N, C-alpha and C. Protein backbone atom coordinates (compact mmCIF):
# COMPACT_ATOMS: atom_id res chain seq x y z
N UNK A 1 96.43 -13.97 10.80
CA UNK A 1 95.38 -13.18 9.56
C UNK A 1 95.44 -11.70 9.79
N UNK A 2 94.73 -11.55 9.01
CA UNK A 2 94.89 -9.66 8.73
C UNK A 2 93.40 -9.25 8.68
N UNK A 3 93.25 -8.17 9.66
CA UNK A 3 92.14 -7.25 9.55
C UNK A 3 91.84 -6.06 9.65
N UNK A 4 91.07 -5.29 8.77
CA UNK A 4 91.57 -3.99 8.58
C UNK A 4 90.05 -3.06 9.19
N UNK A 5 90.13 -1.88 9.81
CA UNK A 5 89.54 -1.68 10.82
C UNK A 5 89.37 -0.09 9.91
N UNK A 6 88.10 0.17 9.38
CA UNK A 6 87.99 1.27 8.68
C UNK A 6 86.85 2.11 9.92
N UNK A 7 87.87 3.05 9.83
CA UNK A 7 87.53 4.00 10.83
C UNK A 7 87.80 5.69 10.24
N UNK A 8 87.50 6.77 11.26
CA UNK A 8 88.17 8.02 10.78
C UNK A 8 88.28 8.73 12.68
N UNK A 9 88.58 9.93 12.66
CA UNK A 9 88.95 10.10 14.01
C UNK A 9 87.63 11.03 14.77
N UNK A 10 87.61 10.80 16.07
CA UNK A 10 86.59 11.35 16.96
C UNK A 10 85.36 10.82 16.30
N UNK A 11 85.50 9.67 16.03
CA UNK A 11 84.61 8.90 15.59
C UNK A 11 83.93 7.23 17.43
N UNK A 12 83.07 8.35 17.87
CA UNK A 12 83.27 7.19 19.57
C UNK A 12 82.90 5.47 18.99
N UNK A 13 82.00 5.97 17.73
CA UNK A 13 81.35 3.88 17.39
C UNK A 13 82.88 3.06 16.81
N UNK A 14 83.71 3.81 16.61
CA UNK A 14 85.20 3.47 15.99
C UNK A 14 86.01 3.14 17.21
N UNK A 15 85.81 3.74 17.97
CA UNK A 15 86.48 3.55 19.30
C UNK A 15 86.01 2.63 20.18
N UNK A 16 84.87 2.54 19.79
CA UNK A 16 84.13 0.71 20.75
C UNK A 16 84.47 -0.03 20.15
N UNK A 17 84.99 -0.12 18.65
CA UNK A 17 84.85 -0.91 17.44
C UNK A 17 86.55 -1.71 18.26
N UNK A 18 86.96 -0.80 18.67
CA UNK A 18 88.56 -0.88 18.44
C UNK A 18 88.69 -1.22 20.01
N UNK A 19 88.02 -1.13 21.00
CA UNK A 19 88.13 -2.09 22.29
C UNK A 19 87.52 -3.38 21.76
N UNK A 20 86.53 -3.80 21.68
CA UNK A 20 86.35 -4.85 21.12
C UNK A 20 87.14 -5.90 20.25
N UNK A 21 88.03 -5.20 19.67
CA UNK A 21 88.83 -5.76 18.93
C UNK A 21 90.08 -6.07 19.85
N UNK A 22 89.96 -5.52 20.97
CA UNK A 22 91.45 -5.70 21.77
C UNK A 22 90.61 -6.99 22.91
N UNK A 23 89.36 -7.28 23.13
CA UNK A 23 89.08 -8.15 23.75
C UNK A 23 88.97 -9.49 23.08
N UNK A 24 89.31 -9.62 21.91
CA UNK A 24 89.34 -11.33 20.81
C UNK A 24 90.11 -12.20 21.35
N UNK A 25 90.30 -13.33 21.70
CA UNK A 25 91.43 -13.90 22.31
C UNK A 25 92.01 -14.50 20.66
N UNK A 26 91.90 -13.97 19.80
CA UNK A 26 92.30 -14.71 18.51
C UNK A 26 93.23 -13.55 18.20
N UNK A 27 94.76 -13.98 18.00
CA UNK A 27 95.69 -13.28 17.24
C UNK A 27 95.54 -13.01 16.13
N UNK A 28 95.71 -11.35 15.29
CA UNK A 28 95.45 -11.00 14.16
C UNK A 28 96.64 -10.25 14.27
N UNK A 29 96.48 -9.21 12.51
CA UNK A 29 97.40 -8.00 12.55
C UNK A 29 96.24 -7.25 12.29
N UNK A 30 95.76 -6.04 12.68
CA UNK A 30 95.03 -5.24 12.72
C UNK A 30 95.50 -3.55 11.99
N UNK A 31 95.30 -3.18 10.64
CA UNK A 31 95.27 -2.07 10.03
C UNK A 31 94.04 -1.30 10.52
N UNK A 32 94.80 0.08 10.25
CA UNK A 32 93.79 0.69 10.96
C UNK A 32 93.09 1.76 9.20
N UNK A 33 92.75 2.11 8.80
CA UNK A 33 92.48 3.23 7.95
C UNK A 33 91.10 4.22 8.44
N UNK A 34 91.91 5.55 8.19
CA UNK A 34 91.20 6.49 8.09
C UNK A 34 90.62 7.11 6.70
N UNK A 35 89.25 6.71 6.78
CA UNK A 35 88.34 6.67 5.59
C UNK A 35 89.15 8.40 5.16
N UNK A 36 88.86 9.28 6.04
CA UNK A 36 88.85 10.64 5.49
C UNK A 36 90.17 11.55 5.52
N UNK A 37 91.34 10.47 6.00
CA UNK A 37 92.78 10.92 6.32
C UNK A 37 93.43 10.35 5.42
N UNK A 38 93.09 9.82 3.72
CA UNK A 38 94.45 9.33 3.30
C UNK A 38 94.92 10.82 2.60
N UNK A 39 96.63 9.95 2.17
CA UNK A 39 97.42 11.46 1.76
C UNK A 39 97.16 11.91 -0.05
N UNK A 40 95.95 10.40 -0.26
CA UNK A 40 95.53 11.15 -1.66
C UNK A 40 93.97 11.47 -1.47
N UNK A 41 93.76 12.66 -2.19
CA UNK A 41 92.24 13.26 -1.63
C UNK A 41 91.33 12.07 -2.89
N UNK A 42 91.54 11.53 -4.13
CA UNK A 42 90.70 10.94 -4.64
C UNK A 42 90.27 9.16 -3.92
N UNK A 43 91.49 8.54 -3.00
CA UNK A 43 91.58 8.19 -2.40
C UNK A 43 90.27 7.78 -1.45
N UNK A 44 90.53 8.96 -0.30
CA UNK A 44 89.61 9.35 0.83
C UNK A 44 88.50 9.57 0.08
N UNK A 45 88.43 10.31 -1.15
CA UNK A 45 86.58 11.00 -1.83
C UNK A 45 85.98 9.03 -1.90
N UNK A 46 86.80 8.07 -2.11
CA UNK A 46 86.19 6.93 -2.66
C UNK A 46 85.82 6.22 -1.61
N UNK A 47 87.11 6.33 -0.41
CA UNK A 47 86.53 5.68 0.66
C UNK A 47 85.17 6.08 1.65
N UNK A 48 85.60 7.68 1.74
CA UNK A 48 84.43 8.40 2.13
C UNK A 48 82.85 7.63 1.92
N UNK A 49 82.83 7.93 0.74
CA UNK A 49 81.34 7.35 -0.29
C UNK A 49 80.95 5.84 -0.16
N UNK A 50 82.25 4.80 0.22
CA UNK A 50 81.84 3.54 0.17
C UNK A 50 81.49 3.63 1.66
N UNK A 51 82.49 3.86 2.92
CA UNK A 51 82.30 3.29 4.15
C UNK A 51 81.93 4.68 4.64
N UNK A 52 81.44 6.02 4.41
CA UNK A 52 81.03 7.63 5.09
C UNK A 52 79.82 6.77 6.20
N UNK A 53 78.70 6.65 5.70
CA UNK A 53 77.42 6.65 7.38
C UNK A 53 77.51 4.68 7.68
N UNK A 54 78.55 4.05 7.48
CA UNK A 54 79.02 2.52 8.09
C UNK A 54 80.01 2.03 9.08
N UNK A 55 80.86 3.30 9.03
CA UNK A 55 82.10 3.16 10.01
C UNK A 55 81.34 2.66 11.43
N UNK A 56 82.37 2.12 12.02
CA UNK A 56 83.02 1.27 11.65
C UNK A 56 82.89 0.06 11.18
N UNK A 57 83.37 -0.48 9.96
CA UNK A 57 83.58 -1.51 8.95
C UNK A 57 84.87 -2.43 9.63
N UNK A 58 84.90 -3.40 9.58
CA UNK A 58 86.12 -4.43 9.85
C UNK A 58 85.72 -5.36 8.64
N UNK A 59 87.11 -5.60 8.11
CA UNK A 59 86.85 -6.25 7.01
C UNK A 59 88.16 -7.26 7.09
N UNK A 60 87.94 -8.22 6.38
CA UNK A 60 89.02 -9.28 6.51
C UNK A 60 89.88 -9.67 5.27
N UNK A 61 90.55 -10.76 5.09
CA UNK A 61 91.85 -11.14 4.13
C UNK A 61 90.82 -11.39 2.75
N UNK A 62 89.49 -11.79 3.17
CA UNK A 62 89.05 -12.34 1.50
C UNK A 62 87.51 -11.83 1.01
N UNK A 63 88.02 -10.78 1.87
CA UNK A 63 86.89 -9.06 1.56
C UNK A 63 85.61 -9.27 2.47
N UNK A 64 85.29 -10.19 2.77
CA UNK A 64 83.78 -9.73 3.93
C UNK A 64 84.31 -9.00 5.07
N UNK A 65 83.12 -8.14 5.38
CA UNK A 65 82.92 -6.94 5.74
C UNK A 65 81.51 -7.06 7.32
N UNK A 66 82.12 -6.66 8.11
CA UNK A 66 81.33 -6.59 9.14
C UNK A 66 80.84 -5.15 9.68
N UNK A 67 80.23 -5.19 8.87
CA UNK A 67 79.57 -3.19 9.56
C UNK A 67 78.72 -3.46 11.19
N UNK A 68 78.98 -2.12 11.72
CA UNK A 68 78.55 -1.45 13.17
C UNK A 68 76.78 -1.87 12.65
N UNK A 69 76.62 -2.05 13.58
CA UNK A 69 76.83 -2.84 15.29
C UNK A 69 77.09 -3.97 15.00
N UNK A 70 77.45 -4.14 15.84
CA UNK A 70 78.31 -5.48 16.14
C UNK A 70 78.66 -5.78 17.78
N UNK A 71 78.45 -7.33 18.39
CA UNK A 71 79.06 -6.77 19.71
C UNK A 71 80.10 -7.97 19.95
N UNK A 72 80.84 -8.37 20.85
CA UNK A 72 82.12 -9.21 20.63
C UNK A 72 81.26 -10.33 20.51
N UNK A 73 80.34 -11.10 20.26
CA UNK A 73 79.86 -12.47 20.14
C UNK A 73 80.12 -12.25 18.19
N UNK A 74 79.69 -11.15 17.99
CA UNK A 74 79.61 -11.74 16.73
C UNK A 74 80.87 -11.38 15.76
N UNK A 75 81.33 -10.46 16.60
CA UNK A 75 82.99 -9.87 16.36
C UNK A 75 83.70 -11.16 16.34
N UNK A 76 83.72 -12.05 17.45
CA UNK A 76 84.68 -13.43 17.68
C UNK A 76 83.50 -14.39 16.36
N UNK A 77 83.04 -14.26 16.54
CA UNK A 77 82.51 -15.14 15.07
C UNK A 77 82.56 -15.07 13.85
N UNK A 78 82.73 -13.48 13.66
CA UNK A 78 82.76 -13.07 12.06
C UNK A 78 84.45 -13.46 11.87
N UNK A 79 85.39 -13.20 12.95
CA UNK A 79 86.98 -13.63 13.19
C UNK A 79 87.08 -15.44 12.80
N UNK A 80 86.28 -15.71 13.71
CA UNK A 80 86.54 -17.39 13.35
C UNK A 80 86.39 -17.91 12.35
N UNK A 81 85.20 -17.20 11.43
CA UNK A 81 84.67 -17.76 10.13
C UNK A 81 85.74 -17.20 9.12
N UNK A 82 86.73 -16.34 9.53
CA UNK A 82 87.73 -15.89 8.77
C UNK A 82 88.94 -16.55 8.48
N UNK A 83 89.09 -17.29 9.91
CA UNK A 83 90.08 -18.55 9.48
C UNK A 83 90.69 -19.27 8.58
């Protein structure tokens, strides 16, 4: 299973979300996407518009998203529903 964490640098909520992801017992591949750090400025603009006030956001392979705020229980439920 693959998950994407949409975040950006110096985002303390994103750091909290990453810490929660480390506590999950299920194995998954995690891709970090910095919404403001794309090499393509147009792509960054799209991501910032979509996620700028919602990060951190976790997205599963089917496209379902879990936006902040969430706790470990909500994250585990999201991941189990994603399997």
